[in-house]
Amino acid sequence: MIEAKFQGTPGSWTAEELSTASGSYRPYVILSPEARSVCKTSYLSGDPKQEKENAYLIAAAPDLLEALMSCMSEIEAGVITSPALKKADAAVRKALHIK
């Protein structure tokens, strides 16, 4: 059972496209509930659709982690036997920086 808590920016994040003065490149900013910037995408992929999808996945991270941890807490005391549950455990540990 993982007892650690997420220490990053709390709350449900959102992704918003930023308008810029230069060309058609529009990065996304990931915002906290208080509208504070958590992170901003950069146009490294060269694909605006891919950048948008990445931004929305990043914005969903706290909600995904919370849901996954909630599911894991329903599992019997630390006995993880299926491959899917092992993946879930590994994902939570990665998100919380637990080895």
PDB file of N, CA and C in Angstrom:
ATOM      1  N   MET A   1       0.850  -1.181   0.000  1.00  0.00           N
ATOM      2  CA  MET A   1       0.000   0.000   0.000  1.00  0.00           C
ATOM      3  C   MET A   1       0.893   1.243   0.000  1.00  0.00           C
ATOM      4  N   ILE A   2       0.622   2.156  -0.876  1.00  0.00           N
ATOM      5  CA  ILE A   2       1.389   3.395  -0.982  1.00  0.00           C
ATOM      6  C   ILE A   2       0.758   4.438  -0.066  1.00  0.00           C
ATOM      7  N   GLU A   3       1.555   4.954   0.853  1.00  0.00           N
ATOM      8  CA  GLU A   3       1.056   5.931   1.822  1.00  0.00           C
ATOM      9  C   GLU A   3       1.434   7.362   1.454  1.00  0.00           C
ATOM     10  N   ALA A   4       2.278   7.552   0.457  1.00  0.00           N
ATOM     11  CA  ALA A   4       2.750   8.890   0.087  1.00  0.00           C
ATOM     12  C   ALA A   4       1.622   9.739  -0.479  1.00  0.00           C
ATOM     13  N   LYS A   5       1.785  11.033  -0.367  1.00  0.00           N
ATOM     14  CA  LYS A   5       0.829  11.994  -0.914  1.00  0.00           C
ATOM     15  C   LYS A   5       1.509  12.783  -2.027  1.00  0.00           C
ATOM     16  N   PHE A   6       0.735  13.190  -3.014  1.00  0.00           N
ATOM     17  CA  PHE A   6       1.236  14.033  -4.101  1.00  0.00           C
ATOM     18  C   PHE A   6       1.630  15.388  -3.524  1.00  0.00           C
ATOM     19  N   GLN A   7       2.858  15.813  -3.783  1.00  0.00           N
ATOM     20  CA  GLN A   7       3.372  17.063  -3.231  1.00  0.00           C
ATOM     21  C   GLN A   7       3.396  18.205  -4.248  1.00  0.00           C
ATOM     22  N   GLY A   8       2.914  17.949  -5.454  1.00  0.00           N
ATOM     23  CA  GLY A   8       2.900  18.980  -6.492  1.00  0.00           C
ATOM     24  C   GLY A   8       1.745  19.950  -6.311  1.00  0.00           C
ATOM     25  N   THR A   9       1.499  20.751  -7.320  1.00  0.00           N
ATOM     26  CA  THR A   9       0.419  21.734  -7.280  1.00  0.00           C
ATOM     27  C   THR A   9      -0.917  21.013  -7.142  1.00  0.00           C
ATOM     28  N   PRO A  10      -1.680  21.310  -6.078  1.00  0.00           N
ATOM     29  CA  PRO A  10      -2.941  20.606  -5.861  1.00  0.00           C
ATOM     30  C   PRO A  10      -4.051  21.083  -6.788  1.00  0.00           C
ATOM     31  N   GLY A  11      -5.087  20.277  -6.850  1.00  0.00           N
ATOM     32  CA  GLY A  11      -6.284  20.678  -7.589  1.00  0.00           C
ATOM     33  C   GLY A  11      -6.390  20.054  -8.954  1.00  0.00           C
ATOM     34  N   SER A  12      -7.479  20.350  -9.605  1.00  0.00           N
ATOM     35  CA  SER A  12      -7.742  19.871 -10.950  1.00  0.00           C
ATOM     36  C   SER A  12      -7.202  20.906 -11.934  1.00  0.00           C
ATOM     37  N   TRP A  13      -6.261  20.498 -12.779  1.00  0.00           N
ATOM     38  CA  TRP A  13      -5.620  21.423 -13.704  1.00  0.00           C
ATOM     39  C   TRP A  13      -6.422  21.544 -14.993  1.00  0.00           C
ATOM     40  N   THR A  14      -6.200  22.642 -15.708  1.00  0.00           N
ATOM     41  CA  THR A  14      -6.814  22.848 -17.019  1.00  0.00           C
ATOM     42  C   THR A  14      -5.734  23.216 -18.028  1.00  0.00           C
ATOM     43  N   ALA A  15      -6.019  22.991 -19.305  1.00  0.00           N
ATOM     44  CA  ALA A  15      -5.105  23.359 -20.389  1.00  0.00           C
ATOM     45  C   ALA A  15      -5.772  24.448 -21.214  1.00  0.00           C
ATOM     46  N   GLU A  16      -5.021  25.514 -21.465  1.00  0.00           N
ATOM     47  CA  GLU A  16      -5.541  26.604 -22.288  1.00  0.00           C
ATOM     48  C   GLU A  16      -4.514  26.994 -23.338  1.00  0.00           C
ATOM     49  N   GLU A  17      -5.007  27.233 -24.540  1.00  0.00           N
ATOM     50  CA  GLU A  17      -4.136  27.667 -25.624  1.00  0.00           C
ATOM     51  C   GLU A  17      -3.772  29.128 -25.407  1.00  0.00           C
ATOM     52  N   LEU A  18      -2.487  29.447 -25.566  1.00  0.00           N
ATOM     53  CA  LEU A  18      -2.024  30.827 -25.441  1.00  0.00           C
ATOM     54  C   LEU A  18      -1.995  31.477 -26.812  1.00  0.00           C
ATOM     55  N   SER A  19      -2.397  32.723 -26.883  1.00  0.00           N
ATOM     56  CA  SER A  19      -2.261  33.443 -28.151  1.00  0.00           C
ATOM     57  C   SER A  19      -0.908  34.142 -28.135  1.00  0.00           C
ATOM     58  N   THR A  20      -0.220  34.071 -29.241  1.00  0.00           N
ATOM     59  CA  THR A  20       1.090  34.716 -29.347  1.00  0.00           C
ATOM     60  C   THR A  20       1.107  35.620 -30.565  1.00  0.00           C
ATOM     61  N   ALA A  21       2.007  36.559 -30.546  1.00  0.00           N
ATOM     62  CA  ALA A  21       2.105  37.514 -31.650  1.00  0.00           C
ATOM     63  C   ALA A  21       2.866  36.942 -32.836  1.00  0.00           C
ATOM     64  N   SER A  22       3.644  35.884 -32.612  1.00  0.00           N
ATOM     65  CA  SER A  22       4.498  35.389 -33.689  1.00  0.00           C
ATOM     66  C   SER A  22       3.922  34.159 -34.374  1.00  0.00           C
ATOM     67  N   GLY A  23       3.504  34.322 -35.593  1.00  0.00           N
ATOM     68  CA  GLY A  23       3.071  33.206 -36.424  1.00  0.00           C
ATOM     69  C   GLY A  23       1.878  32.437 -35.893  1.00  0.00           C
ATOM     70  N   SER A  24       1.794  31.190 -36.333  1.00  0.00           N
ATOM     71  CA  SER A  24       0.645  30.365 -35.975  1.00  0.00           C
ATOM     72  C   SER A  24       0.909  29.479 -34.762  1.00  0.00           C
ATOM     73  N   TYR A  25       2.139  29.499 -34.244  1.00  0.00           N
ATOM     74  CA  TYR A  25       2.460  28.674 -33.077  1.00  0.00           C
ATOM     75  C   TYR A  25       1.722  29.188 -31.846  1.00  0.00           C
ATOM     76  N   ARG A  26       0.964  28.315 -31.231  1.00  0.00           N
ATOM     77  CA  ARG A  26       0.233  28.669 -30.011  1.00  0.00           C
ATOM     78  C   ARG A  26       0.486  27.586 -28.960  1.00  0.00           C
ATOM     79  N   PRO A  27       1.374  27.873 -28.016  1.00  0.00           N
ATOM     80  CA  PRO A  27       1.616  26.887 -26.963  1.00  0.00           C
ATOM     81  C   PRO A  27       0.419  26.791 -26.026  1.00  0.00           C
ATOM     82  N   TYR A  28       0.418  25.769 -25.214  1.00  0.00           N
ATOM     83  CA  TYR A  28      -0.618  25.590 -24.202  1.00  0.00           C
ATOM     84  C   TYR A  28      -0.002  25.824 -22.836  1.00  0.00           C
ATOM     85  N   VAL A  29      -0.785  26.399 -21.950  1.00  0.00           N
ATOM     86  CA  VAL A  29      -0.367  26.556 -20.562  1.00  0.00           C
ATOM     87  C   VAL A  29      -1.285  25.673 -19.721  1.00  0.00           C
ATOM     88  N   ILE A  30      -0.689  24.990 -18.762  1.00  0.00           N
ATOM     89  CA  ILE A  30      -1.444  24.157 -17.836  1.00  0.00           C
ATOM     90  C   ILE A  30      -1.617  24.993 -16.572  1.00  0.00           C
ATOM     91  N   LEU A  31      -2.879  25.179 -16.156  1.00  0.00           N
ATOM     92  CA  LEU A  31      -3.189  26.076 -15.046  1.00  0.00           C
ATOM     93  C   LEU A  31      -3.748  25.327 -13.845  1.00  0.00           C
ATOM     94  N   SER A  32      -3.391  25.828 -12.664  1.00  0.00           N
ATOM     95  CA  SER A  32      -3.964  25.316 -11.418  1.00  0.00           C
ATOM     96  C   SER A  32      -5.364  25.905 -11.259  1.00  0.00           C
ATOM     97  N   PRO A  33      -6.134  25.440 -10.269  1.00  0.00           N
ATOM     98  CA  PRO A  33      -7.462  26.021 -10.049  1.00  0.00           C
ATOM     99  C   PRO A  33      -7.416  27.528  -9.757  1.00  0.00           C
ATOM    100  N   GLU A  34      -6.279  28.001  -9.244  1.00  0.00           N
ATOM    101  CA  GLU A  34      -6.119  29.434  -8.960  1.00  0.00           C
ATOM    102  C   GLU A  34      -5.596  30.196 -10.173  1.00  0.00           C
ATOM    103  N   ALA A  35      -5.588  29.561 -11.332  1.00  0.00           N
ATOM    104  CA  ALA A  35      -5.108  30.138 -12.597  1.00  0.00           C
ATOM    105  C   ALA A  35      -3.618  30.460 -12.550  1.00  0.00           C
ATOM    106  N   ARG A  36      -2.865  29.693 -11.777  1.00  0.00           N
ATOM    107  CA  ARG A  36      -1.407  29.824 -11.760  1.00  0.00           C
ATOM    108  C   ARG A  36      -0.824  28.807 -12.734  1.00  0.00           C
ATOM    109  N   SER A  37       0.223  29.210 -13.431  1.00  0.00           N
ATOM    110  CA  SER A  37       0.845  28.332 -14.417  1.00  0.00           C
ATOM    111  C   SER A  37       1.558  27.165 -13.735  1.00  0.00           C
ATOM    112  N   VAL A  38       1.222  25.955 -14.153  1.00  0.00           N
ATOM    113  CA  VAL A  38       1.895  24.752 -13.675  1.00  0.00           C
ATOM    114  C   VAL A  38       3.032  24.420 -14.638  1.00  0.00           C
ATOM    115  N   CYS A  39       2.754  24.503 -15.939  1.00  0.00           N
ATOM    116  CA  CYS A  39       3.766  24.306 -16.968  1.00  0.00           C
ATOM    117  C   CYS A  39       3.232  24.818 -18.300  1.00  0.00           C
ATOM    118  N   LYS A  40       4.114  24.890 -19.277  1.00  0.00           N
ATOM    119  CA  LYS A  40       3.738  25.349 -20.608  1.00  0.00           C
ATOM    120  C   LYS A  40       4.348  24.392 -21.620  1.00  0.00           C
ATOM    121  N   THR A  41       3.601  24.096 -22.670  1.00  0.00           N
ATOM    122  CA  THR A  41       4.126  23.217 -23.707  1.00  0.00           C
ATOM    123  C   THR A  41       5.087  23.996 -24.598  1.00  0.00           C
ATOM    124  N   SER A  42       5.921  23.253 -25.299  1.00  0.00           N
ATOM    125  CA  SER A  42       6.788  23.869 -26.305  1.00  0.00           C
ATOM    126  C   SER A  42       6.545  23.134 -27.611  1.00  0.00           C
ATOM    127  N   TYR A  43       6.786  23.792 -28.681  1.00  0.00           N
ATOM    128  CA  TYR A  43       6.435  23.267 -29.999  1.00  0.00           C
ATOM    129  C   TYR A  43       7.539  22.363 -30.536  1.00  0.00           C
ATOM    130  N   LEU A  44       7.906  21.350 -29.773  1.00  0.00           N
ATOM    131  CA  LEU A  44       8.986  20.467 -30.195  1.00  0.00           C
ATOM    132  C   LEU A  44       8.522  19.382 -31.152  1.00  0.00           C
ATOM    133  N   SER A  45       7.276  18.979 -31.042  1.00  0.00           N
ATOM    134  CA  SER A  45       6.793  17.883 -31.886  1.00  0.00           C
ATOM    135  C   SER A  45       6.580  18.320 -33.325  1.00  0.00           C
ATOM    136  N   GLY A  46       6.336  19.611 -33.533  1.00  0.00           N
ATOM    137  CA  GLY A  46       6.051  20.096 -34.875  1.00  0.00           C
ATOM    138  C   GLY A  46       4.628  19.798 -35.315  1.00  0.00           C
ATOM    139  N   ASP A  47       3.855  19.198 -34.440  1.00  0.00           N
ATOM    140  CA  ASP A  47       2.488  18.809 -34.757  1.00  0.00           C
ATOM    141  C   ASP A  47       1.543  19.475 -33.757  1.00  0.00           C
ATOM    142  N   PRO A  48       0.798  20.514 -34.184  1.00  0.00           N
ATOM    143  CA  PRO A  48      -0.088  21.230 -33.261  1.00  0.00           C
ATOM    144  C   PRO A  48      -1.127  20.334 -32.584  1.00  0.00           C
ATOM    145  N   LYS A  49      -1.644  19.335 -33.312  1.00  0.00           N
ATOM    146  CA  LYS A  49      -2.635  18.430 -32.705  1.00  0.00           C
ATOM    147  C   LYS A  49      -1.993  17.609 -31.592  1.00  0.00           C
ATOM    148  N   GLN A  50      -0.776  17.137 -31.840  1.00  0.00           N
ATOM    149  CA  GLN A  50      -0.069  16.349 -30.835  1.00  0.00           C
ATOM    150  C   GLN A  50       0.238  17.209 -29.604  1.00  0.00           C
ATOM    151  N   GLU A  51       0.620  18.441 -29.830  1.00  0.00           N
ATOM    152  CA  GLU A  51       0.898  19.345 -28.711  1.00  0.00           C
ATOM    153  C   GLU A  51      -0.354  19.562 -27.866  1.00  0.00           C
ATOM    154  N   LYS A  52      -1.497  19.743 -28.523  1.00  0.00           N
ATOM    155  CA  LYS A  52      -2.763  19.930 -27.811  1.00  0.00           C
ATOM    156  C   LYS A  52      -3.089  18.691 -26.977  1.00  0.00           C
ATOM    157  N   GLU A  53      -2.951  17.512 -27.582  1.00  0.00           N
ATOM    158  CA  GLU A  53      -3.239  16.268 -26.861  1.00  0.00           C
ATOM    159  C   GLU A  53      -2.307  16.092 -25.667  1.00  0.00           C
ATOM    160  N   ASN A  54      -1.026  16.431 -25.841  1.00  0.00           N
ATOM    161  CA  ASN A  54      -0.072  16.357 -24.732  1.00  0.00           C
ATOM    162  C   ASN A  54      -0.493  17.287 -23.597  1.00  0.00           C
ATOM    163  N   ALA A  55      -0.916  18.490 -23.943  1.00  0.00           N
ATOM    164  CA  ALA A  55      -1.331  19.472 -22.934  1.00  0.00           C
ATOM    165  C   ALA A  55      -2.518  18.962 -22.131  1.00  0.00           C
ATOM    166  N   TYR A  56      -3.493  18.367 -22.808  1.00  0.00           N
ATOM    167  CA  TYR A  56      -4.669  17.863 -22.096  1.00  0.00           C
ATOM    168  C   TYR A  56      -4.330  16.646 -21.227  1.00  0.00           C
ATOM    169  N   LEU A  57      -3.391  15.825 -21.671  1.00  0.00           N
ATOM    170  CA  LEU A  57      -2.954  14.698 -20.846  1.00  0.00           C
ATOM    171  C   LEU A  57      -2.244  15.207 -19.587  1.00  0.00           C
ATOM    172  N   ILE A  58      -1.376  16.192 -19.750  1.00  0.00           N
ATOM    173  CA  ILE A  58      -0.688  16.774 -18.593  1.00  0.00           C
ATOM    174  C   ILE A  58      -1.706  17.366 -17.623  1.00  0.00           C
ATOM    175  N   ALA A  59      -2.683  18.086 -18.147  1.00  0.00           N
ATOM    176  CA  ALA A  59      -3.703  18.702 -17.298  1.00  0.00           C
ATOM    177  C   ALA A  59      -4.503  17.655 -16.526  1.00  0.00           C
ATOM    178  N   ALA A  60      -4.669  16.474 -17.094  1.00  0.00           N
ATOM    179  CA  ALA A  60      -5.431  15.409 -16.437  1.00  0.00           C
ATOM    180  C   ALA A  60      -4.614  14.650 -15.395  1.00  0.00           C
ATOM    181  N   ALA A  61      -3.315  14.870 -15.345  1.00  0.00           N
ATOM    182  CA  ALA A  61      -2.437  14.079 -14.479  1.00  0.00           C
ATOM    183  C   ALA A  61      -2.877  14.019 -13.017  1.00  0.00           C
ATOM    184  N   PRO A  62      -3.194  15.128 -12.353  1.00  0.00           N
ATOM    185  CA  PRO A  62      -3.610  15.016 -10.945  1.00  0.00           C
ATOM    186  C   PRO A  62      -4.884  14.192 -10.775  1.00  0.00           C
ATOM    187  N   ASP A  63      -5.831  14.356 -11.681  1.00  0.00           N
ATOM    188  CA  ASP A  63      -7.078  13.598 -11.601  1.00  0.00           C
ATOM    189  C   ASP A  63      -6.834  12.113 -11.857  1.00  0.00           C
ATOM    190  N   LEU A  64      -5.971  11.810 -12.832  1.00  0.00           N
ATOM    191  CA  LEU A  64      -5.645  10.415 -13.126  1.00  0.00           C
ATOM    192  C   LEU A  64      -4.942   9.762 -11.942  1.00  0.00           C
ATOM    193  N   LEU A  65      -3.992  10.484 -11.341  1.00  0.00           N
ATOM    194  CA  LEU A  65      -3.272   9.949 -10.187  1.00  0.00           C
ATOM    195  C   LEU A  65      -4.228   9.704  -9.021  1.00  0.00           C
ATOM    196  N   GLU A  66      -5.101  10.651  -8.750  1.00  0.00           N
ATOM    197  CA  GLU A  66      -6.064  10.497  -7.654  1.00  0.00           C
ATOM    198  C   GLU A  66      -6.983   9.295  -7.892  1.00  0.00           C
ATOM    199  N   ALA A  67      -7.474   9.154  -9.117  1.00  0.00           N
ATOM    200  CA  ALA A  67      -8.357   8.027  -9.437  1.00  0.00           C
ATOM    201  C   ALA A  67      -7.625   6.700  -9.308  1.00  0.00           C
ATOM    202  N   LEU A  68      -6.401   6.663  -9.798  1.00  0.00           N
ATOM    203  CA  LEU A  68      -5.618   5.436  -9.728  1.00  0.00           C
ATOM    204  C   LEU A  68      -5.310   5.069  -8.280  1.00  0.00           C
ATOM    205  N   MET A  69      -4.952   6.058  -7.469  1.00  0.00           N
ATOM    206  CA  MET A  69      -4.670   5.793  -6.059  1.00  0.00           C
ATOM    207  C   MET A  69      -5.929   5.334  -5.327  1.00  0.00           C
ATOM    208  N   SER A  70      -7.065   5.883  -5.694  1.00  0.00           N
ATOM    209  CA  SER A  70      -8.331   5.470  -5.092  1.00  0.00           C
ATOM    210  C   SER A  70      -8.632   4.011  -5.427  1.00  0.00           C
ATOM    211  N   CYS A  71      -8.419   3.635  -6.686  1.00  0.00           N
ATOM    212  CA  CYS A  71      -8.622   2.238  -7.091  1.00  0.00           C
ATOM    213  C   CYS A  71      -7.668   1.316  -6.338  1.00  0.00           C
ATOM    214  N   MET A  72      -6.426   1.744  -6.222  1.00  0.00           N
ATOM    215  CA  MET A  72      -5.425   0.914  -5.558  1.00  0.00           C
ATOM    216  C   MET A  72      -5.748   0.724  -4.082  1.00  0.00           C
ATOM    217  N   SER A  73      -6.353   1.724  -3.455  1.00  0.00           N
ATOM    218  CA  SER A  73      -6.675   1.601  -2.030  1.00  0.00           C
ATOM    219  C   SER A  73      -7.772   0.572  -1.791  1.00  0.00           C
ATOM    220  N   GLU A  74      -8.522   0.246  -2.832  1.00  0.00           N
ATOM    221  CA  GLU A  74      -9.569  -0.762  -2.726  1.00  0.00           C
ATOM    222  C   GLU A  74      -9.013  -2.184  -2.795  1.00  0.00           C
ATOM    223  N   ILE A  75      -7.778  -2.307  -3.207  1.00  0.00           N
ATOM    224  CA  ILE A  75      -7.158  -3.628  -3.337  1.00  0.00           C
ATOM    225  C   ILE A  75      -6.744  -4.117  -1.949  1.00  0.00           C
ATOM    226  N   GLU A  76      -6.856  -5.402  -1.729  1.00  0.00           N
ATOM    227  CA  GLU A  76      -6.450  -5.987  -0.445  1.00  0.00           C
ATOM    228  C   GLU A  76      -5.025  -5.572  -0.100  1.00  0.00           C
ATOM    229  N   ALA A  77      -4.754  -5.479   1.159  1.00  0.00           N
ATOM    230  CA  ALA A  77      -3.502  -4.973   1.745  1.00  0.00           C
ATOM    231  C   ALA A  77      -2.234  -5.412   1.013  1.00  0.00           C
ATOM    232  N   GLY A  78      -1.863  -4.644  -0.005  1.00  0.00           N
ATOM    233  CA  GLY A  78      -0.584  -4.811  -0.669  1.00  0.00           C
ATOM    234  C   GLY A  78      -0.415  -6.044  -1.539  1.00  0.00           C
ATOM    235  N   VAL A  79      -1.426  -6.865  -1.708  1.00  0.00           N
ATOM    236  CA  VAL A  79      -1.292  -8.058  -2.537  1.00  0.00           C
ATOM    237  C   VAL A  79      -1.707  -7.702  -3.956  1.00  0.00           C
ATOM    238  N   ILE A  80      -0.695  -7.570  -4.808  1.00  0.00           N
ATOM    239  CA  ILE A  80      -0.958  -7.220  -6.200  1.00  0.00           C
ATOM    240  C   ILE A  80      -0.522  -8.407  -7.044  1.00  0.00           C
ATOM    241  N   THR A  81      -1.490  -9.023  -7.696  1.00  0.00           N
ATOM    242  CA  THR A  81      -1.165 -10.238  -8.437  1.00  0.00           C
ATOM    243  C   THR A  81      -1.339 -10.121  -9.944  1.00  0.00           C
ATOM    244  N   SER A  82      -2.232  -9.277 -10.409  1.00  0.00           N
ATOM    245  CA  SER A  82      -2.445  -9.219 -11.854  1.00  0.00           C
ATOM    246  C   SER A  82      -1.472  -8.235 -12.498  1.00  0.00           C
ATOM    247  N   PRO A  83      -1.116  -8.460 -13.766  1.00  0.00           N
ATOM    248  CA  PRO A  83      -0.223  -7.541 -14.468  1.00  0.00           C
ATOM    249  C   PRO A  83      -0.765  -6.109 -14.516  1.00  0.00           C
ATOM    250  N   ALA A  84      -2.076  -5.957 -14.660  1.00  0.00           N
ATOM    251  CA  ALA A  84      -2.659  -4.612 -14.714  1.00  0.00           C
ATOM    252  C   ALA A  84      -2.458  -3.876 -13.393  1.00  0.00           C
ATOM    253  N   LEU A  85      -2.616  -4.580 -12.286  1.00  0.00           N
ATOM    254  CA  LEU A  85      -2.427  -3.952 -10.984  1.00  0.00           C
ATOM    255  C   LEU A  85      -0.963  -3.616 -10.741  1.00  0.00           C
ATOM    256  N   LYS A  86      -0.067  -4.438 -11.243  1.00  0.00           N
ATOM    257  CA  LYS A  86       1.362  -4.138 -11.122  1.00  0.00           C
ATOM    258  C   LYS A  86       1.706  -2.877 -11.905  1.00  0.00           C
ATOM    259  N   LYS A  87       1.091  -2.713 -13.074  1.00  0.00           N
ATOM    260  CA  LYS A  87       1.309  -1.498 -13.866  1.00  0.00           C
ATOM    261  C   LYS A  87       0.776  -0.274 -13.132  1.00  0.00           C
ATOM    262  N   ALA A  88      -0.396  -0.412 -12.515  1.00  0.00           N
ATOM    263  CA  ALA A  88      -0.985   0.695 -11.762  1.00  0.00           C
ATOM    264  C   ALA A  88      -0.075   1.082 -10.606  1.00  0.00           C
ATOM    265  N   ASP A  89       0.425   0.091  -9.887  1.00  0.00           N
ATOM    266  CA  ASP A  89       1.330   0.352  -8.774  1.00  0.00           C
ATOM    267  C   ASP A  89       2.591   1.070  -9.261  1.00  0.00           C
ATOM    268  N   ALA A  90       3.147   0.614 -10.372  1.00  0.00           N
ATOM    269  CA  ALA A  90       4.350   1.236 -10.929  1.00  0.00           C
ATOM    270  C   ALA A  90       4.082   2.678 -11.358  1.00  0.00           C
ATOM    271  N   ALA A  91       2.909   2.926 -11.929  1.00  0.00           N
ATOM    272  CA  ALA A  91       2.571   4.284 -12.374  1.00  0.00           C
ATOM    273  C   ALA A  91       2.437   5.239 -11.193  1.00  0.00           C
ATOM    274  N   VAL A  92       1.790   4.791 -10.127  1.00  0.00           N
ATOM    275  CA  VAL A  92       1.654   5.637  -8.935  1.00  0.00           C
ATOM    276  C   VAL A  92       3.027   5.902  -8.335  1.00  0.00           C
ATOM    277  N   ARG A  93       3.850   4.875  -8.237  1.00  0.00           N
ATOM    278  CA  ARG A  93       5.195   5.052  -7.686  1.00  0.00           C
ATOM    279  C   ARG A  93       6.019   6.026  -8.531  1.00  0.00           C
ATOM    280  N   LYS A  94       5.875   5.951  -9.838  1.00  0.00           N
ATOM    281  CA  LYS A  94       6.592   6.875 -10.723  1.00  0.00           C
ATOM    282  C   LYS A  94       6.123   8.304 -10.492  1.00  0.00           C
ATOM    283  N   ALA A  95       4.814   8.495 -10.393  1.00  0.00           N
ATOM    284  CA  ALA A  95       4.264   9.839 -10.194  1.00  0.00           C
ATOM    285  C   ALA A  95       4.676  10.440  -8.860  1.00  0.00           C
ATOM    286  N   LEU A  96       4.835   9.586  -7.848  1.00  0.00           N
ATOM    287  CA  LEU A  96       5.188  10.066  -6.513  1.00  0.00           C
ATOM    288  C   LEU A  96       6.683   9.948  -6.218  1.00  0.00           C
ATOM    289  N   HIS A  97       7.464   9.548  -7.198  1.00  0.00           N
ATOM    290  CA  HIS A  97       8.920   9.393  -7.062  1.00  0.00           C
ATOM    291  C   HIS A  97       9.277   8.401  -5.966  1.00  0.00           C
ATOM    292  N   ILE A  98       8.590   7.256  -5.949  1.00  0.00           N
ATOM    293  CA  ILE A  98       8.872   6.187  -4.993  1.00  0.00           C
ATOM    294  C   ILE A  98       9.494   5.041  -5.762  1.00  0.00           C
ATOM    295  N   LYS A  99      10.601   4.520  -5.270  1.00  0.00           N
ATOM    296  CA  LYS A  99      11.264   3.394  -5.950  1.00  0.00           C
ATOM    297  C   LYS A  99      10.713   2.084  -5.481  1.00  0.00           C
TER     298      LYS A  99
END
